[in-house]
């Protein structure tokens, strides 16, 4: 199981999928849906159109994905790794998961197919799907970074909606180059979960077993925010 301290989320659906789902959403309703999601504590939405090669690689037939991003509690992130921290992280995970079911029900009620993708199912990587959105990048510390922040968890909904605002290009590709010049996560990692070349060693990282979040807390993208780091990077490249 990828997130070892998370428990399965109960099925909270109250509405069944439509027999003949709609495939087109209006701009007004998509905005309304996004506003409801933001009011439900989500930090933002991204959209992924999975290509045929990706679907073949992961043996799935999904096409259209809504990514619902939520900011993990700063108070919890600052805690030292412990069973209590893992418990609190799971409570937050369960709470946001229930809100995701409610959002899926809104789509179902309005005639769209909407299914929550099981975040604990190792048959497909949600991080890999996030990269398909062209709205995220993997940092040197193996974290999934969106513009809204590094301290983001996310849930995903597979849907019948074909005309979501998918992105063709990824504006965050520069982050890989920036990370190669930084190294704060390497210097601060209490588990030395990087090899001599600065490559992340997942087997040594305790984030998914004990809730370690040191690399998040010290990362410039978390401490300063995406926009400020981008400005600094732009000055470095002049």
Foldseek 3Di string as FASTA:
>chain_A
DQQVLADFADQQAPFDADPDFDAADDPVVVVVLQVVLVVLQFLGKFKFADDPVQCVVLVHDFGIKIKTKHFDDPVLQPDAFDSVSSVVSNVVVNSVVNVVSVSQNVSRVVRKHKDWDGCPDPSDHPLVRVVNQLQWDQALQRFIDGQSFRRIDIIMIGISHDPDPGDPHRPCPCRHVVRQVPCPLCVFPPQNQADPNSHGNVVSDCCSPGNNNRSRVPDCCNVPNDVVVVVVVVVVVD
